[in-house]
Amino acid sequence: MEYTFANRVAGLKPSAIREILKFTSQPGYIPFSAGNPAPDAFPVDDIARLSAKLFETHPIDALQYSITEGYGPLRTHLMSYMKEKHNVGRDFDDILITTGANQVMELTAKVLCNEGDTVICENPSFIGSLNAFRSYGVKLRGVEMEADGMDMNALEQALQEEKRARFIYTIPNFQNPTGVTMSYEKRRQLYALAKKYGVLILEDNPYGDTRFAGEDVPCIKSLDEDGLVIYCGSFSKVMAPGMRVGYAIAPGPVFSKLVVCKQVVDVHTNIWSQIVAHGFMTECDYDGHLKKNQALYGKKARYTMDLMDKHLAPYISYQPIEGGLFLWCRLPDGVDMNAFCKEAVNRKVATVPGSAFLMDENEPCQCFRINYSTPTDQQIAQGMEILGRLAAETCGR
């Protein structure tokens, strides 16, 4: 049988990260390529207790069909929480509970984009979102990253040139893969440019609550008085990714279309997960849990960066982080990054080549991404020694 696929998916390739993760499932590999929260961050006992209570008292609520918009008490509480804590949400906004944050990216492209339209993205950016956009036949226009976020001059040039730009996609806090946090000034500039050119913003913020150092920066959505921003949040990094609970806060007309499209995709997000997430926010010490995890990530991140300073310098540089799960490492010019990452895998250390996150994977790239939250401290120490020896052999010639 010869199979013919739809044009919108014929050119899609498996995520390089998923391919590399195949190695990490084998014994002995050090999983710097993963992006999982630290196992110690999961509130296992609370989830078990809340689940047992649910199935003892309201089992049918957890097992029956529910409404597409999401579990009502969770929606109500999240809107109040986000307004009070982050000044996110206006009278014209509504909230949709989704099956993980990546569903927000897929639904946004589905709702807003026709084939041939443009999505403007940070370059590099999260491969899962890029593939979601690509699946709708859109053109991706990359805007280079600086130490404090997107290059705003390049962004305005892109908006001037891309007449079919539908939205700007950004991860403003501890960006995946670079770890960069967009400055408040650039957030204001980004919003002003979106308003000037009549383009929406998709603000993806899965890492904001992992901040372990420095000062919080207001969300772009907190500036939204004109209905320009779709905000995406998630419980994956702060509670448990296997529960697959995310959410979108969006202007009413966009929200309505997101709901219709979600009905087609999966009817509704797992209702057990939604009820447990609501219980965790309202019956447990949610803010205390966030602080505990921030301390955990801060300790692991500083441990990792200290070892990078010890073993990888002077050959490999990186930008220190104040939150998030990733470190963006740069090899010297002239060093073959893909060959370096391949040899690291041969030595049982899995990293992610930076080219996987680019609009065009064939662009030159000297960077690779490391995740510090998944490996144990012992694996981190061993992996940094191996990478350090490889760097000295490769770059010190």
Protein backbone atom coordinates (compact mmCIF):
# COMPACT_ATOMS: atom_id res chain seq x y z
CA MET A 1 0.00 0.00 0.00
CA GLU A 2 1.31 3.44 -0.92
CA TYR A 3 0.23 6.04 1.60
CA THR A 4 -0.49 9.65 0.70
CA PHE A 5 -0.62 12.21 3.49
CA ALA A 6 -2.26 15.62 3.78
CA ASN A 7 -0.07 18.50 2.64
CA ARG A 8 -0.17 20.06 6.10
CA VAL A 9 1.54 17.05 7.72
CA ALA A 10 3.55 15.53 4.87
CA GLY A 11 6.58 17.68 5.67
CA LEU A 12 6.45 17.30 9.46
CA LYS A 13 9.35 15.44 11.06
CA PRO A 14 9.55 13.76 14.46
CA SER A 15 10.75 16.12 17.16
CA ALA A 16 14.53 15.87 17.53
CA ILE A 17 13.99 15.95 21.28
CA ARG A 18 11.70 12.91 21.16
CA GLU A 19 14.23 11.05 19.05
CA ILE A 20 17.02 11.83 21.50
CA LEU A 21 14.81 10.82 24.44
CA LYS A 22 14.84 7.28 23.07
CA PHE A 23 18.44 7.08 24.23
CA THR A 24 17.64 8.36 27.71
CA SER A 25 15.26 5.46 28.33
CA GLN A 26 18.22 3.10 28.06
CA PRO A 27 20.23 2.29 31.19
CA GLY A 28 23.31 4.39 31.82
CA TYR A 29 22.37 7.48 29.78
CA ILE A 30 22.45 10.89 31.46
CA PRO A 31 19.24 12.72 30.43
CA PHE A 32 20.29 16.35 29.93
CA SER A 33 17.99 16.22 26.89
CA ALA A 34 14.78 15.85 28.89
CA GLY A 35 12.47 18.64 29.99
CA ASN A 36 10.69 16.96 32.85
CA PRO A 37 10.09 18.56 36.23
CA ALA A 38 12.15 17.16 39.08
CA PRO A 39 10.49 14.03 40.52
CA ASP A 40 10.85 15.52 44.01
CA ALA A 41 8.59 18.39 42.91
CA PHE A 42 5.46 16.25 42.53
CA PRO A 43 2.91 16.56 45.39
CA VAL A 44 2.24 12.82 45.31
CA ASP A 45 0.61 12.52 48.74
CA ASP A 46 -1.77 15.43 48.12
CA ILE A 47 -2.78 14.12 44.70
CA ALA A 48 -3.42 10.67 46.16
CA ARG A 49 -5.49 12.06 49.04
CA LEU A 50 -7.53 14.37 46.80
CA SER A 51 -8.15 11.57 44.31
CA ALA A 52 -9.26 9.14 47.02
CA LYS A 53 -11.63 11.75 48.46
CA LEU A 54 -13.08 12.44 45.02
CA PHE A 55 -13.77 8.79 44.26
CA GLU A 56 -15.24 8.24 47.71
CA THR A 57 -17.60 11.23 47.63
CA HIS A 58 -18.28 12.18 43.99
CA PRO A 59 -17.07 9.35 41.74
CA ILE A 60 -19.52 10.03 38.90
CA ASP A 61 -18.29 13.65 38.64
CA ALA A 62 -14.85 12.25 37.81
CA LEU A 63 -16.06 9.55 35.42
CA GLN A 64 -18.85 11.19 33.44
CA TYR A 65 -18.62 13.50 30.42
CA SER A 66 -18.21 17.18 31.26
CA ILE A 67 -18.38 20.51 29.45
CA THR A 68 -15.72 21.62 26.98
CA GLU A 69 -14.95 24.91 28.71
CA GLY A 70 -13.69 23.07 31.78
CA TYR A 71 -14.59 22.30 35.38
CA GLY A 72 -16.52 25.34 36.60
CA PRO A 73 -14.97 25.75 40.05
CA LEU A 74 -11.45 25.48 38.59
CA ARG A 75 -12.23 28.07 35.91
CA THR A 76 -13.67 30.47 38.47
CA HIS A 77 -10.81 30.04 40.92
CA LEU A 78 -8.11 30.36 38.24
CA MET A 79 -9.59 33.58 36.90
CA SER A 80 -9.67 35.08 40.40
CA TYR A 81 -6.18 33.80 41.22
CA MET A 82 -4.63 35.10 38.00
CA LYS A 83 -6.33 38.49 38.42
CA GLU A 84 -5.25 38.88 42.03
CA LYS A 85 -1.70 37.57 41.67
CA HIS A 86 -0.75 38.65 38.12
CA ASN A 87 -3.37 41.25 37.08
CA VAL A 88 -4.29 38.90 34.22
CA GLY A 89 -7.83 38.91 32.87
CA ARG A 90 -10.28 41.67 31.97
CA ASP A 91 -14.07 41.77 31.65
CA PHE A 92 -13.72 40.82 27.98
CA ASP A 93 -11.67 37.68 28.77
CA ASP A 94 -12.74 34.12 29.47
CA ILE A 95 -10.84 30.94 30.40
CA LEU A 96 -10.66 27.54 28.71
CA ILE A 97 -9.14 24.50 30.44
CA THR A 98 -7.01 22.55 27.96
CA THR A 99 -5.25 19.22 27.72
CA GLY A 100 -1.83 20.60 28.53
CA ALA A 101 -0.39 23.90 27.37
CA ASN A 102 0.59 22.63 23.94
CA GLN A 103 -3.08 22.26 23.07
CA VAL A 104 -3.37 26.04 23.39
CA MET A 105 -0.73 26.46 20.66
CA GLU A 106 -2.45 23.97 18.37
CA LEU A 107 -5.92 25.44 18.91
CA THR A 108 -4.68 29.02 18.45
CA ALA A 109 -3.16 28.16 15.07
CA LYS A 110 -6.31 26.27 14.11
CA VAL A 111 -8.56 29.19 15.05
CA LEU A 112 -6.50 32.06 13.62
CA CYS A 113 -4.44 30.77 10.69
CA ASN A 114 -5.12 29.86 7.10
CA GLU A 115 -2.54 28.01 5.06
CA GLY A 116 0.14 30.46 3.98
CA ASP A 117 -0.38 32.86 6.89
CA THR A 118 2.59 33.83 9.06
CA VAL A 119 3.32 33.22 12.74
CA ILE A 120 6.13 35.36 14.12
CA CYS A 121 8.22 33.46 16.67
CA GLU A 122 11.30 33.91 18.78
CA ASN A 123 14.28 32.26 17.12
CA PRO A 124 15.09 29.78 18.63
CA SER A 125 11.82 28.60 20.20
CA PHE A 126 10.06 25.56 21.64
CA ILE A 127 9.91 22.79 19.04
CA GLY A 128 6.50 21.52 20.21
CA SER A 129 4.87 24.86 19.47
CA LEU A 130 6.70 25.29 16.17
CA ASN A 131 5.45 21.90 14.97
CA ALA A 132 1.91 22.75 16.09
CA PHE A 133 2.05 25.88 13.93
CA ARG A 134 3.67 24.05 11.02
CA SER A 135 0.89 21.49 11.01
CA TYR A 136 -1.48 24.19 9.73
CA GLY A 137 0.69 25.11 6.78
CA VAL A 138 1.82 28.46 8.15
CA LYS A 139 5.05 30.28 7.46
CA LEU A 140 7.28 30.77 10.50
CA ARG A 141 9.15 34.07 10.69
CA GLY A 142 11.88 34.02 13.29
CA VAL A 143 13.03 37.02 15.32
CA GLU A 144 16.46 36.68 16.90
CA MET A 145 16.80 36.59 20.66
CA GLU A 146 18.90 39.02 22.69
CA ALA A 147 19.90 38.82 26.35
CA ASP A 148 16.62 40.50 27.38
CA GLY A 149 14.23 39.00 24.85
CA MET A 150 13.33 39.44 21.20
CA ASP A 151 15.12 42.04 19.10
CA MET A 152 12.36 44.66 18.88
CA ASN A 153 13.77 46.34 15.78
CA ALA A 154 13.79 43.00 13.99
CA LEU A 155 10.27 42.32 15.24
CA GLU A 156 8.95 45.56 13.77
CA GLN A 157 10.69 44.80 10.49
CA ALA A 158 9.00 41.39 10.45
CA LEU A 159 5.61 42.97 11.13
CA GLN A 160 6.16 45.43 8.29
CA GLU A 161 7.18 42.71 5.83
CA GLU A 162 4.78 39.90 6.80
CA LYS A 163 1.43 41.18 5.58
CA ARG A 164 -0.29 37.94 6.61
CA ALA A 165 1.08 37.78 10.16
CA ARG A 166 -1.64 36.39 12.43
CA PHE A 167 0.04 36.37 15.83
CA ILE A 168 3.36 36.73 17.67
CA TYR A 169 4.38 33.74 19.76
CA THR A 170 6.57 34.38 22.80
CA ILE A 171 7.77 32.56 25.92
CA PRO A 172 8.71 35.63 27.99
CA ASN A 173 9.82 33.90 31.20
CA PHE A 174 12.88 31.60 31.16
CA GLN A 175 12.39 30.90 27.50
CA ASN A 176 12.71 27.40 26.14
CA PRO A 177 15.43 26.79 25.00
CA THR A 178 17.53 29.88 25.83
CA GLY A 179 16.46 30.52 29.44
CA VAL A 180 16.12 34.24 28.58
CA THR A 181 13.55 36.40 30.38
CA MET A 182 12.09 39.30 28.41
CA SER A 183 12.54 42.66 30.14
CA TYR A 184 9.50 44.69 31.17
CA GLU A 185 10.44 47.42 28.71
CA LYS A 186 10.47 44.93 25.85
CA ARG A 187 7.13 43.52 26.97
CA ARG A 188 5.68 47.01 26.72
CA GLN A 189 7.28 47.49 23.31
CA LEU A 190 5.98 44.12 22.11
CA TYR A 191 2.45 45.00 23.15
CA ALA A 192 2.69 48.42 21.49
CA LEU A 193 3.91 46.87 18.23
CA ALA A 194 1.13 44.28 18.25
CA LYS A 195 -1.40 47.05 18.74
CA LYS A 196 0.17 49.22 16.02
CA TYR A 197 0.10 46.44 13.42
CA GLY A 198 -3.15 44.78 14.50
CA VAL A 199 -1.59 41.42 15.37
CA LEU A 200 -2.42 39.20 18.35
CA ILE A 201 0.11 37.91 20.90
CA LEU A 202 0.24 34.33 22.19
CA GLU A 203 2.00 34.52 25.57
CA ASP A 204 3.19 31.08 26.68
CA ASN A 205 4.15 31.05 30.37
CA PRO A 206 4.79 27.52 31.65
CA TYR A 207 7.90 28.48 33.63
CA GLY A 208 6.95 31.73 35.37
CA ASP A 209 6.24 30.09 38.74
CA THR A 210 9.63 28.33 38.78
CA ARG A 211 11.51 31.60 39.47
CA PHE A 212 14.05 31.00 42.26
CA ALA A 213 16.01 34.28 42.07
CA GLY A 214 15.49 37.87 40.97
CA GLU A 215 12.27 39.85 40.70
CA ASP A 216 9.07 38.84 38.93
CA VAL A 217 8.33 40.68 35.67
CA PRO A 218 4.66 41.48 34.94
CA CYS A 219 2.97 39.33 32.30
CA ILE A 220 2.32 40.83 28.88
CA LYS A 221 -1.32 39.91 29.44
CA SER A 222 -1.37 42.27 32.43
CA LEU A 223 -0.95 45.12 29.92
CA ASP A 224 -3.85 43.98 27.76
CA GLU A 225 -6.56 46.63 27.60
CA ASP A 226 -7.35 46.00 23.93
CA GLY A 227 -8.00 42.26 23.71
CA LEU A 228 -4.70 41.51 21.96
CA VAL A 229 -3.21 38.77 24.17
CA ILE A 230 -3.97 35.08 24.50
CA TYR A 231 -2.35 33.88 27.73
CA CYS A 232 -1.33 30.25 28.13
CA GLY A 233 -0.70 28.71 31.54
CA SER A 234 -0.08 25.18 32.76
CA PHE A 235 0.02 22.94 35.83
CA SER A 236 2.66 20.73 34.23
CA LYS A 237 5.71 22.44 35.75
CA VAL A 238 4.12 23.32 39.10
CA MET A 239 2.03 20.22 39.86
CA ALA A 240 2.39 17.21 37.54
CA PRO A 241 2.75 17.04 33.74
CA GLY A 242 1.04 13.65 33.50
CA MET A 243 -2.23 15.25 34.58
CA ARG A 244 -2.29 17.27 31.33
CA VAL A 245 -4.02 20.39 32.64
CA GLY A 246 -3.35 23.72 30.96
CA TYR A 247 -5.46 26.78 30.30
CA ALA A 248 -5.95 29.73 27.98
CA ILE A 249 -7.20 33.15 29.02
CA ALA A 250 -8.39 34.87 25.86
CA PRO A 251 -10.70 37.63 24.62
CA GLY A 252 -14.31 36.46 24.32
CA PRO A 253 -14.53 36.09 20.53
CA VAL A 254 -11.26 34.11 20.42
CA PHE A 255 -12.32 32.04 23.44
CA SER A 256 -15.58 31.03 21.70
CA LYS A 257 -13.72 29.71 18.66
CA LEU A 258 -11.18 27.90 20.84
CA VAL A 259 -14.05 26.12 22.60
CA VAL A 260 -15.66 24.97 19.34
CA CYS A 261 -12.35 23.64 18.03
CA LYS A 262 -11.57 21.86 21.30
CA GLN A 263 -14.94 20.11 21.14
CA VAL A 264 -13.78 18.55 17.88
CA VAL A 265 -10.39 17.53 19.31
CA ASP A 266 -11.20 15.84 22.63
CA VAL A 267 -14.62 17.03 23.93
CA HIS A 268 -13.05 18.13 27.22
CA THR A 269 -9.89 17.82 29.28
CA ASN A 270 -9.67 14.91 31.75
CA ILE A 271 -12.18 15.89 34.41
CA TRP A 272 -10.48 13.94 37.24
CA SER A 273 -7.30 15.98 36.66
CA GLN A 274 -9.25 19.23 36.66
CA ILE A 275 -11.05 18.48 39.93
CA VAL A 276 -7.80 17.43 41.60
CA ALA A 277 -6.03 20.56 40.34
CA HIS A 278 -8.83 22.68 41.80
CA GLY A 279 -8.61 20.83 45.10
CA PHE A 280 -4.85 21.28 45.21
CA MET A 281 -5.18 25.04 44.68
CA THR A 282 -7.98 25.51 47.23
CA GLU A 283 -7.47 22.82 49.90
CA CYS A 284 -3.66 22.60 50.04
CA ASP A 285 -0.92 25.16 50.57
CA TYR A 286 -0.51 25.99 46.88
CA ASP A 287 1.76 29.01 47.36
CA GLY A 288 3.84 27.04 49.87
CA HIS A 289 4.20 24.26 47.31
CA LEU A 290 5.44 26.76 44.72
CA LYS A 291 8.01 28.14 47.15
CA LYS A 292 9.21 24.64 48.02
CA ASN A 293 9.70 23.82 44.35
CA GLN A 294 11.43 27.13 43.68
CA ALA A 295 13.93 26.32 46.42
CA LEU A 296 14.44 22.84 44.96
CA TYR A 297 15.06 24.19 41.45
CA GLY A 298 17.29 26.96 42.73
CA LYS A 299 19.51 24.46 44.53
CA LYS A 300 19.74 22.13 41.51
CA ALA A 301 20.31 24.97 39.04
CA ARG A 302 23.10 26.54 41.09
CA TYR A 303 24.71 23.13 41.56
CA THR A 304 24.61 22.59 37.79
CA MET A 305 25.99 26.03 36.95
CA ASP A 306 28.82 25.63 39.47
CA LEU A 307 29.80 22.37 37.78
CA MET A 308 29.56 23.99 34.35
CA ASP A 309 31.92 26.73 35.52
CA LYS A 310 34.28 24.07 36.80
CA HIS A 311 34.27 21.61 33.90
CA LEU A 312 33.08 23.39 30.73
CA ALA A 313 34.95 26.70 30.91
CA PRO A 314 36.63 28.15 28.97
CA TYR A 315 35.36 26.22 25.96
CA ILE A 316 31.59 26.27 26.52
CA SER A 317 29.75 29.40 27.66
CA TYR A 318 26.21 29.80 28.95
CA GLN A 319 23.87 32.48 30.27
CA PRO A 320 23.04 32.07 34.00
CA ILE A 321 19.35 31.59 34.77
CA GLU A 322 16.99 32.67 37.55
CA GLY A 323 14.26 30.12 36.85
CA GLY A 324 12.99 27.66 34.29
CA LEU A 325 14.41 24.24 33.51
CA PHE A 326 17.03 24.86 30.83
CA LEU A 327 20.53 26.16 30.18
CA TRP A 328 21.58 27.28 26.70
CA CYS A 329 25.20 26.38 26.02
CA ARG A 330 27.39 27.82 23.27
CA LEU A 331 30.39 26.19 21.61
CA PRO A 332 33.17 28.29 20.04
CA ASP A 333 32.79 29.31 16.41
CA GLY A 334 34.15 26.69 14.07
CA VAL A 335 33.23 23.74 16.27
CA ASP A 336 30.68 21.37 14.74
CA MET A 337 27.81 21.47 17.23
CA ASN A 338 25.92 18.49 15.81
CA ALA A 339 29.07 16.36 15.82
CA PHE A 340 29.73 17.42 19.43
CA CYS A 341 26.21 16.40 20.52
CA LYS A 342 26.45 13.12 18.62
CA GLU A 343 29.74 12.25 20.31
CA ALA A 344 28.20 13.19 23.69
CA VAL A 345 25.47 10.63 23.04
CA ASN A 346 28.15 8.07 22.17
CA ARG A 347 29.52 8.76 25.65
CA LYS A 348 26.02 8.33 27.09
CA VAL A 349 25.28 12.01 27.71
CA ALA A 350 22.17 13.20 25.84
CA THR A 351 21.78 16.92 25.07
CA VAL A 352 19.57 18.61 22.47
CA PRO A 353 21.20 20.23 19.43
CA GLY A 354 20.21 23.88 19.20
CA SER A 355 19.24 23.53 15.54
CA ALA A 356 16.13 21.60 16.67
CA PHE A 357 14.67 24.88 17.97
CA LEU A 358 15.27 27.04 14.90
CA MET A 359 12.75 28.07 12.26
CA ASP A 360 15.11 26.42 9.77
CA GLU A 361 17.06 23.49 11.18
CA ASN A 362 19.67 24.00 8.46
CA GLU A 363 20.70 27.41 9.81
CA PRO A 364 24.18 27.54 11.37
CA CYS A 365 24.01 26.98 15.13
CA GLN A 366 26.69 26.73 17.82
CA CYS A 367 24.35 26.05 20.74
CA PHE A 368 22.83 23.09 22.53
CA ARG A 369 20.32 22.81 25.37
CA ILE A 370 20.81 21.19 28.77
CA ASN A 371 18.05 20.32 31.23
CA TYR A 372 19.08 20.24 34.90
CA SER A 373 15.77 19.28 36.57
CA THR A 374 15.45 15.68 35.38
CA PRO A 375 18.90 14.17 36.16
CA THR A 376 19.93 13.32 39.69
CA ASP A 377 22.75 15.31 41.28
CA GLN A 378 25.03 12.33 40.74
CA GLN A 379 24.12 12.22 37.03
CA ILE A 380 24.69 15.98 36.74
CA ALA A 381 28.17 15.69 38.24
CA GLN A 382 29.09 12.73 36.06
CA GLY A 383 27.62 14.32 32.92
CA MET A 384 29.46 17.60 33.40
CA GLU A 385 32.77 15.80 33.76
CA ILE A 386 32.12 13.89 30.53
CA LEU A 387 31.08 17.03 28.64
CA GLY A 388 34.09 18.87 30.03
CA ARG A 389 36.50 16.21 28.77
CA LEU A 390 34.77 16.20 25.38
CA ALA A 391 34.93 20.00 25.20
CA ALA A 392 38.65 19.99 25.98
CA GLU A 393 39.29 17.33 23.32
CA THR A 394 37.11 19.07 20.71
CA CYS A 395 37.76 22.75 21.38
CA GLY A 396 41.24 22.69 22.86
CA ARG A 397 43.04 21.45 19.78
